């Protein structure tokens, strides 16, 4: 089952994807449906079935008219936390082999990044009753940093780079008793400033404070262990760069359960009613191939198992006005 959200008669409404051409409108938004399912002890699929209407909409028209929204939102963006983990993917077979070779050196010779990667390879997939290695973790912002599918990703004037990060995103709602409930998965573009990060890894936190996007569809149910996708940049109607990528647990150093545990172990991330969007890491970057993006470029990230591709153009913002800090 796959869901989208859209604007319909000035309301946020969820819809069931029935085909590539058609969606069936639901009586409320995804967040409300999830909260209803949790309270009733139902699955989200059961709540969706109970909320189906007879209204069907043209999927492509929603895309063309820019009516798509992220597939899960909170009514108050301040109660949506956007985070992620890095150094989680093994990448292609060749890359995997090379990375493993680099870890077969004396511990003192490892960079901090390689040491973190090795921790994941050695202990990122623990037994069900054990705690695995702690991954890299980062904060991107609250719900105000989320850009809808098809909408432009803003690039602040101070940014050094604007690069895609194609990956999976886990979507969660926190129940009234503080229990995190996974609603499903979506294609994500975590979007970062790789030049800033490369200058000094201690600037990773700065490089992540950017916009992001996920969707357009929410996969409800089990996620395949092996997923194959394509990441593409289109410039002036032509493909500038394109590369396949792998994700899913079969292609990761960490299990999803381990990544989830090390996020939600913090009590502050289990605040009742909140929404969480958590990015699980990437294996492919155009930046690694020397690509420099510019205004108007369009990112297209496709994972067929999760429905339609996620597409977002770039929009370079003008120089910002000086920020005046006032003392009280």
C-alpha atoms as a PDB file:
ATOM      1  CA  UNK A   1       0.000   0.000   0.000  1.00  0.00           C
ATOM      2  CA  UNK A   2       1.259   3.465  -0.917  1.00  0.00           C
ATOM      3  CA  UNK A   3      -0.131   6.844   0.137  1.00  0.00           C
ATOM      4  CA  UNK A   4       0.369  10.442  -0.909  1.00  0.00           C
ATOM      5  CA  UNK A   5      -0.786  13.748   0.539  1.00  0.00           C
ATOM      6  CA  UNK A   6      -2.151  16.612  -1.500  1.00  0.00           C
ATOM      7  CA  UNK A   7      -3.985  19.892  -1.278  1.00  0.00           C
ATOM      8  CA  UNK A   8      -7.685  19.337  -1.932  1.00  0.00           C
ATOM      9  CA  UNK A   9     -10.258  22.110  -1.493  1.00  0.00           C
ATOM     10  CA  UNK A  10      -7.867  24.040   0.771  1.00  0.00           C
ATOM     11  CA  UNK A  11      -7.305  21.018   3.010  1.00  0.00           C
ATOM     12  CA  UNK A  12      -4.463  18.574   3.532  1.00  0.00           C
ATOM     13  CA  UNK A  13      -5.769  15.168   2.503  1.00  0.00           C
ATOM     14  CA  UNK A  14      -4.179  11.761   2.148  1.00  0.00           C
ATOM     15  CA  UNK A  15      -4.906   9.565  -0.837  1.00  0.00           C
ATOM     16  CA  UNK A  16      -4.378   5.908  -1.695  1.00  0.00           C
ATOM     17  CA  UNK A  17      -2.305   5.269  -4.821  1.00  0.00           C
ATOM     18  CA  UNK A  18      -4.446   2.945  -6.957  1.00  0.00           C
ATOM     19  CA  UNK A  19      -2.319   3.143 -10.104  1.00  0.00           C
ATOM     20  CA  UNK A  20       0.262   5.337 -11.812  1.00  0.00           C
ATOM     21  CA  UNK A  21      -2.628   7.388 -13.166  1.00  0.00           C
ATOM     22  CA  UNK A  22      -5.069   7.571 -10.265  1.00  0.00           C
ATOM     23  CA  UNK A  23      -5.316   8.094  -6.506  1.00  0.00           C
ATOM     24  CA  UNK A  24      -8.328   7.657  -4.242  1.00  0.00           C
ATOM     25  CA  UNK A  25      -8.951  10.419  -1.730  1.00  0.00           C
ATOM     26  CA  UNK A  26      -9.121   9.654   1.991  1.00  0.00           C
ATOM     27  CA  UNK A  27     -11.258  11.456   4.544  1.00  0.00           C
ATOM     28  CA  UNK A  28      -8.320  12.984   6.425  1.00  0.00           C
ATOM     29  CA  UNK A  29      -4.558  13.508   6.393  1.00  0.00           C
ATOM     30  CA  UNK A  30      -1.904  10.886   7.092  1.00  0.00           C
ATOM     31  CA  UNK A  31      -1.049  12.181  10.572  1.00  0.00           C
ATOM     32  CA  UNK A  32      -4.682  12.019  11.693  1.00  0.00           C
ATOM     33  CA  UNK A  33      -5.059   8.527  10.257  1.00  0.00           C
ATOM     34  CA  UNK A  34      -1.921   7.348  12.046  1.00  0.00           C
ATOM     35  CA  UNK A  35      -3.025   8.791  15.374  1.00  0.00           C
ATOM     36  CA  UNK A  36      -6.450   7.217  14.896  1.00  0.00           C
ATOM     37  CA  UNK A  37      -4.917   3.814  14.136  1.00  0.00           C
ATOM     38  CA  UNK A  38      -2.630   3.962  17.190  1.00  0.00           C
ATOM     39  CA  UNK A  39      -5.522   4.900  19.505  1.00  0.00           C
ATOM     40  CA  UNK A  40      -7.743   2.131  18.105  1.00  0.00           C
ATOM     41  CA  UNK A  41      -5.067  -0.557  18.140  1.00  0.00           C
ATOM     42  CA  UNK A  42      -5.355  -0.903  14.370  1.00  0.00           C
ATOM     43  CA  UNK A  43      -2.834  -1.048  11.584  1.00  0.00           C
ATOM     44  CA  UNK A  44      -2.458   2.003   9.379  1.00  0.00           C
ATOM     45  CA  UNK A  45      -3.769  -0.075   6.466  1.00  0.00           C
ATOM     46  CA  UNK A  46      -6.994  -0.724   8.396  1.00  0.00           C
ATOM     47  CA  UNK A  47      -7.384   2.978   9.158  1.00  0.00           C
ATOM     48  CA  UNK A  48      -6.852   3.785   5.476  1.00  0.00           C
ATOM     49  CA  UNK A  49      -9.493   1.282   4.379  1.00  0.00           C
ATOM     50  CA  UNK A  50     -11.997   2.837   6.787  1.00  0.00           C
ATOM     51  CA  UNK A  51     -11.269   6.362   5.510  1.00  0.00           C
ATOM     52  CA  UNK A  52     -11.624   5.735   1.759  1.00  0.00           C
ATOM     53  CA  UNK A  53     -13.950   8.043  -0.133  1.00  0.00           C
ATOM     54  CA  UNK A  54     -15.419   7.658  -3.607  1.00  0.00           C
ATOM     55  CA  UNK A  55     -13.418  10.629  -4.932  1.00  0.00           C
ATOM     56  CA  UNK A  56     -10.662   9.731  -7.357  1.00  0.00           C
ATOM     57  CA  UNK A  57      -8.071  12.213  -8.625  1.00  0.00           C
ATOM     58  CA  UNK A  58      -5.758  12.303 -11.610  1.00  0.00           C
ATOM     59  CA  UNK A  59      -2.255  11.667 -10.241  1.00  0.00           C
ATOM     60  CA  UNK A  60      -0.411  13.478 -13.026  1.00  0.00           C
ATOM     61  CA  UNK A  61      -2.671  16.511 -12.648  1.00  0.00           C
ATOM     62  CA  UNK A  62      -1.686  16.744  -8.975  1.00  0.00           C
ATOM     63  CA  UNK A  63       1.965  16.677 -10.066  1.00  0.00           C
ATOM     64  CA  UNK A  64       1.507  19.231 -12.839  1.00  0.00           C
ATOM     65  CA  UNK A  65      -0.494  21.612 -10.640  1.00  0.00           C
ATOM     66  CA  UNK A  66       2.032  21.382  -7.770  1.00  0.00           C
ATOM     67  CA  UNK A  67      -0.588  20.070  -5.350  1.00  0.00           C
ATOM     68  CA  UNK A  68       1.546  17.262  -3.953  1.00  0.00           C
ATOM     69  CA  UNK A  69       2.643  17.544  -0.329  1.00  0.00           C
ATOM     70  CA  UNK A  70       5.075  15.440   1.707  1.00  0.00           C
ATOM     71  CA  UNK A  71       3.267  12.163   2.504  1.00  0.00           C
ATOM     72  CA  UNK A  72       3.427  12.819   6.275  1.00  0.00           C
ATOM     73  CA  UNK A  73       3.253  16.245   7.918  1.00  0.00           C
ATOM     74  CA  UNK A  74       2.452  17.645  11.362  1.00  0.00           C
ATOM     75  CA  UNK A  75      -0.092  20.482  11.687  1.00  0.00           C
ATOM     76  CA  UNK A  76       2.601  22.412  13.577  1.00  0.00           C
ATOM     77  CA  UNK A  77       6.007  22.151  11.802  1.00  0.00           C
ATOM     78  CA  UNK A  78       7.779  22.776  15.119  1.00  0.00           C
ATOM     79  CA  UNK A  79       6.579  19.343  16.213  1.00  0.00           C
ATOM     80  CA  UNK A  80       8.264  17.562  13.317  1.00  0.00           C
ATOM     81  CA  UNK A  81      11.922  16.651  13.849  1.00  0.00           C
ATOM     82  CA  UNK A  82      14.133  15.942  10.805  1.00  0.00           C
ATOM     83  CA  UNK A  83      17.286  13.924  11.484  1.00  0.00           C
ATOM     84  CA  UNK A  84      19.509  11.300   9.890  1.00  0.00           C
ATOM     85  CA  UNK A  85      22.404   8.902  10.114  1.00  0.00           C
ATOM     86  CA  UNK A  86      25.507   8.676   7.967  1.00  0.00           C
ATOM     87  CA  UNK A  87      28.213   6.156   7.037  1.00  0.00           C
ATOM     88  CA  UNK A  88      25.555   3.446   6.966  1.00  0.00           C
ATOM     89  CA  UNK A  89      25.777   2.030   3.411  1.00  0.00           C
ATOM     90  CA  UNK A  90      28.223  -0.432   1.935  1.00  0.00           C
ATOM     91  CA  UNK A  91      27.705   0.926  -1.578  1.00  0.00           C
ATOM     92  CA  UNK A  92      28.505  -1.034  -4.721  1.00  0.00           C
ATOM     93  CA  UNK A  93      30.508  -4.267  -4.653  1.00  0.00           C
ATOM     94  CA  UNK A  94      33.688  -2.495  -5.800  1.00  0.00           C
ATOM     95  CA  UNK A  95      33.270   0.306  -3.287  1.00  0.00           C
ATOM     96  CA  UNK A  96      32.518  -2.183  -0.557  1.00  0.00           C
ATOM     97  CA  UNK A  97      35.687  -4.119  -1.313  1.00  0.00           C
ATOM     98  CA  UNK A  98      37.765  -0.954  -1.301  1.00  0.00           C
ATOM     99  CA  UNK A  99      36.272   0.265   1.975  1.00  0.00           C
ATOM    100  CA  UNK A 100      36.864  -3.078   3.641  1.00  0.00           C
ATOM    101  CA  UNK A 101      40.455  -3.043   2.440  1.00  0.00           C
ATOM    102  CA  UNK A 102      40.963   0.383   3.966  1.00  0.00           C
ATOM    103  CA  UNK A 103      39.787  -0.866   7.335  1.00  0.00           C
ATOM    104  CA  UNK A 104      42.439  -3.588   7.408  1.00  0.00           C
ATOM    105  CA  UNK A 105      45.081  -1.249   8.776  1.00  0.00           C
ATOM    106  CA  UNK A 106      46.296  -0.308  12.192  1.00  0.00           C
ATOM    107  CA  UNK A 107      43.578   1.445  14.234  1.00  0.00           C
ATOM    108  CA  UNK A 108      45.811   4.509  14.677  1.00  0.00           C
ATOM    109  CA  UNK A 109      45.919   5.016  10.894  1.00  0.00           C
ATOM    110  CA  UNK A 110      42.143   5.176  10.444  1.00  0.00           C
ATOM    111  CA  UNK A 111      40.423   8.494   9.873  1.00  0.00           C
ATOM    112  CA  UNK A 112      37.472   9.272  12.135  1.00  0.00           C
ATOM    113  CA  UNK A 113      35.102   8.548   9.239  1.00  0.00           C
ATOM    114  CA  UNK A 114      36.682   5.167   8.474  1.00  0.00           C
ATOM    115  CA  UNK A 115      36.668   4.285  12.159  1.00  0.00           C
ATOM    116  CA  UNK A 116      32.947   5.075  12.297  1.00  0.00           C
ATOM    117  CA  UNK A 117      32.321   3.025   9.165  1.00  0.00           C
ATOM    118  CA  UNK A 118      34.271   0.087  10.612  1.00  0.00           C
ATOM    119  CA  UNK A 119      32.188   0.232  13.793  1.00  0.00           C
ATOM    120  CA  UNK A 120      29.095  -0.221  11.680  1.00  0.00           C
ATOM    121  CA  UNK A 121      30.548  -3.063   9.620  1.00  0.00           C
ATOM    122  CA  UNK A 122      31.656  -4.872  12.770  1.00  0.00           C
ATOM    123  CA  UNK A 123      28.629  -4.218  14.983  1.00  0.00           C
ATOM    124  CA  UNK A 124      25.825  -2.449  13.136  1.00  0.00           C
ATOM    125  CA  UNK A 125      23.573  -5.489  12.820  1.00  0.00           C
ATOM    126  CA  UNK A 126      23.202  -6.905  16.332  1.00  0.00           C
ATOM    127  CA  UNK A 127      20.997  -9.806  17.392  1.00  0.00           C
ATOM    128  CA  UNK A 128      17.390  -8.797  18.205  1.00  0.00           C
ATOM    129  CA  UNK A 129      18.039  -8.699  21.959  1.00  0.00           C
ATOM    130  CA  UNK A 130      21.322  -6.776  21.713  1.00  0.00           C
ATOM    131  CA  UNK A 131      22.371  -3.149  21.149  1.00  0.00           C
ATOM    132  CA  UNK A 132      24.574  -2.536  18.130  1.00  0.00           C
ATOM    133  CA  UNK A 133      27.203   0.049  17.299  1.00  0.00           C
ATOM    134  CA  UNK A 134      26.173   3.670  17.563  1.00  0.00           C
ATOM    135  CA  UNK A 135      26.033   5.364  14.128  1.00  0.00           C
ATOM    136  CA  UNK A 136      26.839   8.894  13.087  1.00  0.00           C
ATOM    137  CA  UNK A 137      23.782  11.084  13.778  1.00  0.00           C
ATOM    138  CA  UNK A 138      22.835  14.567  12.608  1.00  0.00           C
ATOM    139  CA  UNK A 139      20.035  17.122  12.886  1.00  0.00           C
ATOM    140  CA  UNK A 140      18.569  18.894   9.860  1.00  0.00           C
ATOM    141  CA  UNK A 141      15.803  21.009  11.353  1.00  0.00           C
ATOM    142  CA  UNK A 142      12.114  20.948  12.114  1.00  0.00           C
ATOM    143  CA  UNK A 143       9.255  20.561   9.658  1.00  0.00           C
ATOM    144  CA  UNK A 144       9.874  24.002   8.176  1.00  0.00           C
ATOM    145  CA  UNK A 145      12.931  22.657   6.328  1.00  0.00           C
ATOM    146  CA  UNK A 146      10.855  20.094   4.409  1.00  0.00           C
ATOM    147  CA  UNK A 147      10.090  20.890   0.776  1.00  0.00           C
ATOM    148  CA  UNK A 148       7.194  19.189  -1.010  1.00  0.00           C
ATOM    149  CA  UNK A 149       7.849  16.886  -3.974  1.00  0.00           C
ATOM    150  CA  UNK A 150       8.155  18.910  -7.216  1.00  0.00           C
ATOM    151  CA  UNK A 151       8.831  22.116  -5.219  1.00  0.00           C
ATOM    152  CA  UNK A 152      12.174  23.940  -5.325  1.00  0.00           C
ATOM    153  CA  UNK A 153      14.933  23.226  -2.821  1.00  0.00           C
ATOM    154  CA  UNK A 154      16.217  26.616  -1.628  1.00  0.00           C
ATOM    155  CA  UNK A 155      19.979  27.152  -1.453  1.00  0.00           C
ATOM    156  CA  UNK A 156      21.031  29.874   1.026  1.00  0.00           C
ATOM    157  CA  UNK A 157      23.382  32.546  -0.249  1.00  0.00           C
ATOM    158  CA  UNK A 158      26.115  31.478   2.190  1.00  0.00           C
ATOM    159  CA  UNK A 159      26.117  27.856   0.966  1.00  0.00           C
ATOM    160  CA  UNK A 160      29.270  26.490  -0.673  1.00  0.00           C
ATOM    161  CA  UNK A 161      27.503  23.615  -2.409  1.00  0.00           C
ATOM    162  CA  UNK A 162      24.035  22.179  -3.087  1.00  0.00           C
ATOM    163  CA  UNK A 163      24.192  18.421  -3.523  1.00  0.00           C
ATOM    164  CA  UNK A 164      21.623  15.639  -3.522  1.00  0.00           C
ATOM    165  CA  UNK A 165      21.714  12.667  -1.157  1.00  0.00           C
ATOM    166  CA  UNK A 166      19.416   9.889  -2.422  1.00  0.00           C
ATOM    167  CA  UNK A 167      18.247   7.684   0.395  1.00  0.00           C
ATOM    168  CA  UNK A 168      15.440   6.086   2.340  1.00  0.00           C
ATOM    169  CA  UNK A 169      13.540   8.041   4.965  1.00  0.00           C
ATOM    170  CA  UNK A 170      11.664   6.451   7.844  1.00  0.00           C
ATOM    171  CA  UNK A 171       8.493   8.277   8.927  1.00  0.00           C
ATOM    172  CA  UNK A 172       7.232   8.062  12.514  1.00  0.00           C
ATOM    173  CA  UNK A 173       4.503   9.305  14.848  1.00  0.00           C
ATOM    174  CA  UNK A 174       4.931   9.266  18.635  1.00  0.00           C
ATOM    175  CA  UNK A 175       1.946   7.866  20.538  1.00  0.00           C
ATOM    176  CA  UNK A 176       0.456   9.482  23.637  1.00  0.00           C
ATOM    177  CA  UNK A 177       2.384   7.043  25.833  1.00  0.00           C
ATOM    178  CA  UNK A 178       5.716   7.981  24.167  1.00  0.00           C
ATOM    179  CA  UNK A 179       5.981   4.919  21.935  1.00  0.00           C
ATOM    180  CA  UNK A 180       7.434   5.598  18.470  1.00  0.00           C
ATOM    181  CA  UNK A 181       5.339   4.086  15.662  1.00  0.00           C
ATOM    182  CA  UNK A 182       6.834   3.680  12.214  1.00  0.00           C
ATOM    183  CA  UNK A 183       4.244   4.788   9.658  1.00  0.00           C
ATOM    184  CA  UNK A 184       6.292   3.710   6.656  1.00  0.00           C
ATOM    185  CA  UNK A 185       9.106   4.640   4.307  1.00  0.00           C
ATOM    186  CA  UNK A 186       9.634   7.175   1.529  1.00  0.00           C
ATOM    187  CA  UNK A 187      12.239   8.160  -1.030  1.00  0.00           C
ATOM    188  CA  UNK A 188      14.323  10.971   0.420  1.00  0.00           C
ATOM    189  CA  UNK A 189      16.646  13.683  -0.822  1.00  0.00           C
ATOM    190  CA  UNK A 190      18.543  14.635   2.317  1.00  0.00           C
ATOM    191  CA  UNK A 191      20.376  17.443   0.457  1.00  0.00           C
ATOM    192  CA  UNK A 192      23.599  18.800   1.946  1.00  0.00           C
ATOM    193  CA  UNK A 193      26.509  21.190   1.484  1.00  0.00           C
ATOM    194  CA  UNK A 194      29.385  18.819   0.734  1.00  0.00           C
ATOM    195  CA  UNK A 195      32.025  21.520   0.201  1.00  0.00           C
ATOM    196  CA  UNK A 196      31.427  22.812   3.717  1.00  0.00           C
ATOM    197  CA  UNK A 197      31.574  19.273   5.122  1.00  0.00           C
ATOM    198  CA  UNK A 198      34.755  18.407   3.216  1.00  0.00           C
ATOM    199  CA  UNK A 199      36.638  21.449   4.523  1.00  0.00           C
ATOM    200  CA  UNK A 200      36.443  20.073   8.048  1.00  0.00           C
ATOM    201  CA  UNK A 201      34.268  17.213   9.280  1.00  0.00           C
ATOM    202  CA  UNK A 202      33.490  19.266  12.410  1.00  0.00           C
ATOM    203  CA  UNK A 203      31.417  21.425  10.059  1.00  0.00           C
ATOM    204  CA  UNK A 204      29.174  18.469   9.284  1.00  0.00           C
ATOM    205  CA  UNK A 205      26.499  19.987  11.533  1.00  0.00           C
ATOM    206  CA  UNK A 206      26.545  23.199   9.470  1.00  0.00           C
ATOM    207  CA  UNK A 207      26.421  21.301   6.191  1.00  0.00           C
ATOM    208  CA  UNK A 208      23.230  19.489   7.199  1.00  0.00           C
ATOM    209  CA  UNK A 209      21.192  22.567   8.121  1.00  0.00           C
ATOM    210  CA  UNK A 210      19.564  22.776   4.717  1.00  0.00           C
ATOM    211  CA  UNK A 211      16.229  21.984   3.126  1.00  0.00           C
ATOM    212  CA  UNK A 212      15.237  18.418   2.255  1.00  0.00           C
ATOM    213  CA  UNK A 213      12.437  16.556   0.546  1.00  0.00           C
ATOM    214  CA  UNK A 214      10.807  13.139   0.710  1.00  0.00           C
ATOM    215  CA  UNK A 215       8.016  11.317  -1.055  1.00  0.00           C
ATOM    216  CA  UNK A 216       5.944  11.685  -3.067  1.00  0.00           C
ATOM    217  CA  UNK A 217       4.704   8.318  -1.820  1.00  0.00           C
ATOM    218  CA  UNK A 218       4.676   6.638   1.572  1.00  0.00           C
ATOM    219  CA  UNK A 219       5.187   2.875   1.514  1.00  0.00           C
ATOM    220  CA  UNK A 220       3.044   1.223   4.189  1.00  0.00           C
ATOM    221  CA  UNK A 221       4.215  -2.260   5.169  1.00  0.00           C
ATOM    222  CA  UNK A 222       7.394  -4.279   4.850  1.00  0.00           C
ATOM    223  CA  UNK A 223      10.431  -2.781   3.149  1.00  0.00           C
ATOM    224  CA  UNK A 224      12.393  -5.056   0.765  1.00  0.00           C
ATOM    225  CA  UNK A 225      15.907  -5.872   1.985  1.00  0.00           C
ATOM    226  CA  UNK A 226      17.382  -5.022  -1.415  1.00  0.00           C
ATOM    227  CA  UNK A 227      16.380  -1.885  -3.311  1.00  0.00           C
ATOM    228  CA  UNK A 228      17.805  -0.558  -6.556  1.00  0.00           C
ATOM    229  CA  UNK A 229      17.314   3.039  -7.590  1.00  0.00           C
ATOM    230  CA  UNK A 230      18.623   5.766  -9.856  1.00  0.00           C
ATOM    231  CA  UNK A 231      19.776   9.257  -8.976  1.00  0.00           C
ATOM    232  CA  UNK A 232      19.790  11.821 -11.773  1.00  0.00           C
ATOM    233  CA  UNK A 233      20.444  15.533 -12.316  1.00  0.00           C
ATOM    234  CA  UNK A 234      18.701  17.213 -15.242  1.00  0.00           C
ATOM    235  CA  UNK A 235      19.943  20.555 -16.590  1.00  0.00           C
ATOM    236  CA  UNK A 236      18.164  22.461 -19.362  1.00  0.00           C
ATOM    237  CA  UNK A 237      16.153  19.386 -20.242  1.00  0.00           C
ATOM    238  CA  UNK A 238      19.189  17.109 -20.601  1.00  0.00           C
ATOM    239  CA  UNK A 239      20.612  14.547 -18.183  1.00  0.00           C
ATOM    240  CA  UNK A 240      23.764  16.053 -16.685  1.00  0.00           C
ATOM    241  CA  UNK A 241      24.617  13.141 -14.391  1.00  0.00           C
ATOM    242  CA  UNK A 242      23.044   9.776 -13.613  1.00  0.00           C
ATOM    243  CA  UNK A 243      24.024   6.858 -11.424  1.00  0.00           C
ATOM    244  CA  UNK A 244      22.353   3.755  -9.957  1.00  0.00           C
ATOM    245  CA  UNK A 245      22.351   3.256  -6.214  1.00  0.00           C
ATOM    246  CA  UNK A 246      21.548   0.468  -3.777  1.00  0.00           C
ATOM    247  CA  UNK A 247      19.822   0.680  -0.429  1.00  0.00           C
ATOM    248  CA  UNK A 248      17.869  -1.543   1.950  1.00  0.00           C
ATOM    249  CA  UNK A 249      19.378  -3.591   4.766  1.00  0.00           C
ATOM    250  CA  UNK A 250      21.154  -5.994   2.414  1.00  0.00           C
ATOM    251  CA  UNK A 251      23.279  -3.057   1.251  1.00  0.00           C
ATOM    252  CA  UNK A 252      23.835  -1.436   4.642  1.00  0.00           C
ATOM    253  CA  UNK A 253      26.330  -1.858   7.469  1.00  0.00           C
ATOM    254  CA  UNK A 254      23.591  -1.155  10.023  1.00  0.00           C
ATOM    255  CA  UNK A 255      20.173  -2.704  10.459  1.00  0.00           C
ATOM    256  CA  UNK A 256      17.274  -0.267  10.354  1.00  0.00           C
ATOM    257  CA  UNK A 257      16.305  -1.409  13.847  1.00  0.00           C
ATOM    258  CA  UNK A 258      19.750  -0.400  15.138  1.00  0.00           C
ATOM    259  CA  UNK A 259      19.517   3.032  13.521  1.00  0.00           C
ATOM    260  CA  UNK A 260      16.035   3.515  14.967  1.00  0.00           C
ATOM    261  CA  UNK A 261      17.124   2.449  18.445  1.00  0.00           C
ATOM    262  CA  UNK A 262      20.009   4.905  18.552  1.00  0.00           C
ATOM    263  CA  UNK A 263      17.658   7.728  17.586  1.00  0.00           C
ATOM    264  CA  UNK A 264      14.687   6.976  19.788  1.00  0.00           C
ATOM    265  CA  UNK A 265      16.741   5.967  22.851  1.00  0.00           C
ATOM    266  CA  UNK A 266      16.712   9.674  23.741  1.00  0.00           C
ATOM    267  CA  UNK A 267      13.637  10.587  25.755  1.00  0.00           C
ATOM    268  CA  UNK A 268      13.435  13.970  24.039  1.00  0.00           C
ATOM    269  CA  UNK A 269      12.708  12.184  20.770  1.00  0.00           C
ATOM    270  CA  UNK A 270       9.704  10.367  22.259  1.00  0.00           C
ATOM    271  CA  UNK A 271       7.509  13.389  22.927  1.00  0.00           C
ATOM    272  CA  UNK A 272       3.846  12.437  22.474  1.00  0.00           C
ATOM    273  CA  UNK A 273       2.265  13.634  19.238  1.00  0.00           C
ATOM    274  CA  UNK A 274       5.493  14.503  17.439  1.00  0.00           C
ATOM    275  CA  UNK A 275       6.398  13.456  13.903  1.00  0.00           C
ATOM    276  CA  UNK A 276       9.911  12.265  13.024  1.00  0.00           C
ATOM    277  CA  UNK A 277      11.521  12.066   9.594  1.00  0.00           C
ATOM    278  CA  UNK A 278      14.758  10.085   9.809  1.00  0.00           C
ATOM    279  CA  UNK A 279      17.098   9.664   6.836  1.00  0.00           C
ATOM    280  CA  UNK A 280      18.988   6.351   6.748  1.00  0.00           C
ATOM    281  CA  UNK A 281      22.060   7.371   4.752  1.00  0.00           C
ATOM    282  CA  UNK A 282      23.224   7.327   1.148  1.00  0.00           C
ATOM    283  CA  UNK A 283      25.572   5.352  -1.070  1.00  0.00           C
ATOM    284  CA  UNK A 284      25.830   7.633  -4.113  1.00  0.00           C
ATOM    285  CA  UNK A 285      26.662  11.327  -4.544  1.00  0.00           C
ATOM    286  CA  UNK A 286      27.130  13.395  -7.701  1.00  0.00           C
ATOM    287  CA  UNK A 287      29.576  15.525  -5.697  1.00  0.00           C
ATOM    288  CA  UNK A 288      31.937  12.540  -5.521  1.00  0.00           C
ATOM    289  CA  UNK A 289      32.062  12.629  -9.330  1.00  0.00           C
ATOM    290  CA  UNK A 290      32.951  16.318  -9.418  1.00  0.00           C
ATOM    291  CA  UNK A 291      29.486  17.643 -10.289  1.00  0.00           C
ATOM    292  CA  UNK A 292      28.742  21.248  -9.328  1.00  0.00           C
ATOM    293  CA  UNK A 293      25.049  22.079  -9.362  1.00  0.00           C
ATOM    294  CA  UNK A 294      23.523  25.418 -10.303  1.00  0.00           C
ATOM    295  CA  UNK A 295      20.243  27.294 -10.237  1.00  0.00           C
ATOM    296  CA  UNK A 296      17.480  25.462 -12.089  1.00  0.00           C
ATOM    297  CA  UNK A 297      19.045  21.984 -12.004  1.00  0.00           C
ATOM    298  CA  UNK A 298      16.516  19.281 -11.159  1.00  0.00           C
ATOM    299  CA  UNK A 299      17.181  16.286  -8.928  1.00  0.00           C
ATOM    300  CA  UNK A 300      15.312  13.090  -9.764  1.00  0.00           C
ATOM    301  CA  UNK A 301      15.577  10.145  -7.351  1.00  0.00           C
ATOM    302  CA  UNK A 302      13.821   6.945  -8.284  1.00  0.00           C
ATOM    303  CA  UNK A 303      13.199   3.785  -6.258  1.00  0.00           C
ATOM    304  CA  UNK A 304      10.516   1.874  -8.196  1.00  0.00           C
ATOM    305  CA  UNK A 305       9.459  -0.146  -5.147  1.00  0.00           C
ATOM    306  CA  UNK A 306       8.413   3.118  -3.466  1.00  0.00           C
ATOM    307  CA  UNK A 307       6.380   4.514  -6.363  1.00  0.00           C
ATOM    308  CA  UNK A 308       6.916   7.653  -8.382  1.00  0.00           C
ATOM    309  CA  UNK A 309      10.337   9.343  -8.328  1.00  0.00           C
ATOM    310  CA  UNK A 310      11.070  12.288  -6.075  1.00  0.00           C
ATOM    311  CA  UNK A 311      11.800  15.381  -8.161  1.00  0.00           C
ATOM    312  CA  UNK A 312      12.936  18.828  -6.980  1.00  0.00           C
ATOM    313  CA  UNK A 313      14.564  21.730  -8.828  1.00  0.00           C
ATOM    314  CA  UNK A 314      17.204  23.961  -7.240  1.00  0.00           C
ATOM    315  CA  UNK A 315      16.582  27.602  -6.414  1.00  0.00           C
ATOM    316  CA  UNK A 316      19.549  29.765  -5.464  1.00  0.00           C
ATOM    317  CA  UNK A 317      18.504  32.427  -2.987  1.00  0.00           C
ATOM    318  CA  UNK A 318      19.761  36.034  -3.316  1.00  0.00           C
ATOM    319  CA  UNK A 319      22.225  37.480  -0.862  1.00  0.00           C
ATOM    320  CA  UNK A 320      20.644  37.645   2.556  1.00  0.00           C
ATOM    321  CA  UNK A 321      20.188  40.905   4.402  1.00  0.00           C
ATOM    322  CA  UNK A 322      22.382  41.470   7.455  1.00  0.00           C
ATOM    323  CA  UNK A 323      21.022  39.857  10.612  1.00  0.00           C
ATOM    324  CA  UNK A 324      20.688  42.405  13.382  1.00  0.00           C
ATOM    325  CA  UNK A 325      20.971  40.977  16.885  1.00  0.00           C
ATOM    326  CA  UNK A 326      19.238  43.126  19.488  1.00  0.00           C
ATOM    327  CA  UNK A 327      19.915  43.185  23.215  1.00  0.00           C
ATOM    328  CA  UNK A 328      17.060  43.485  25.699  1.00  0.00           C
END
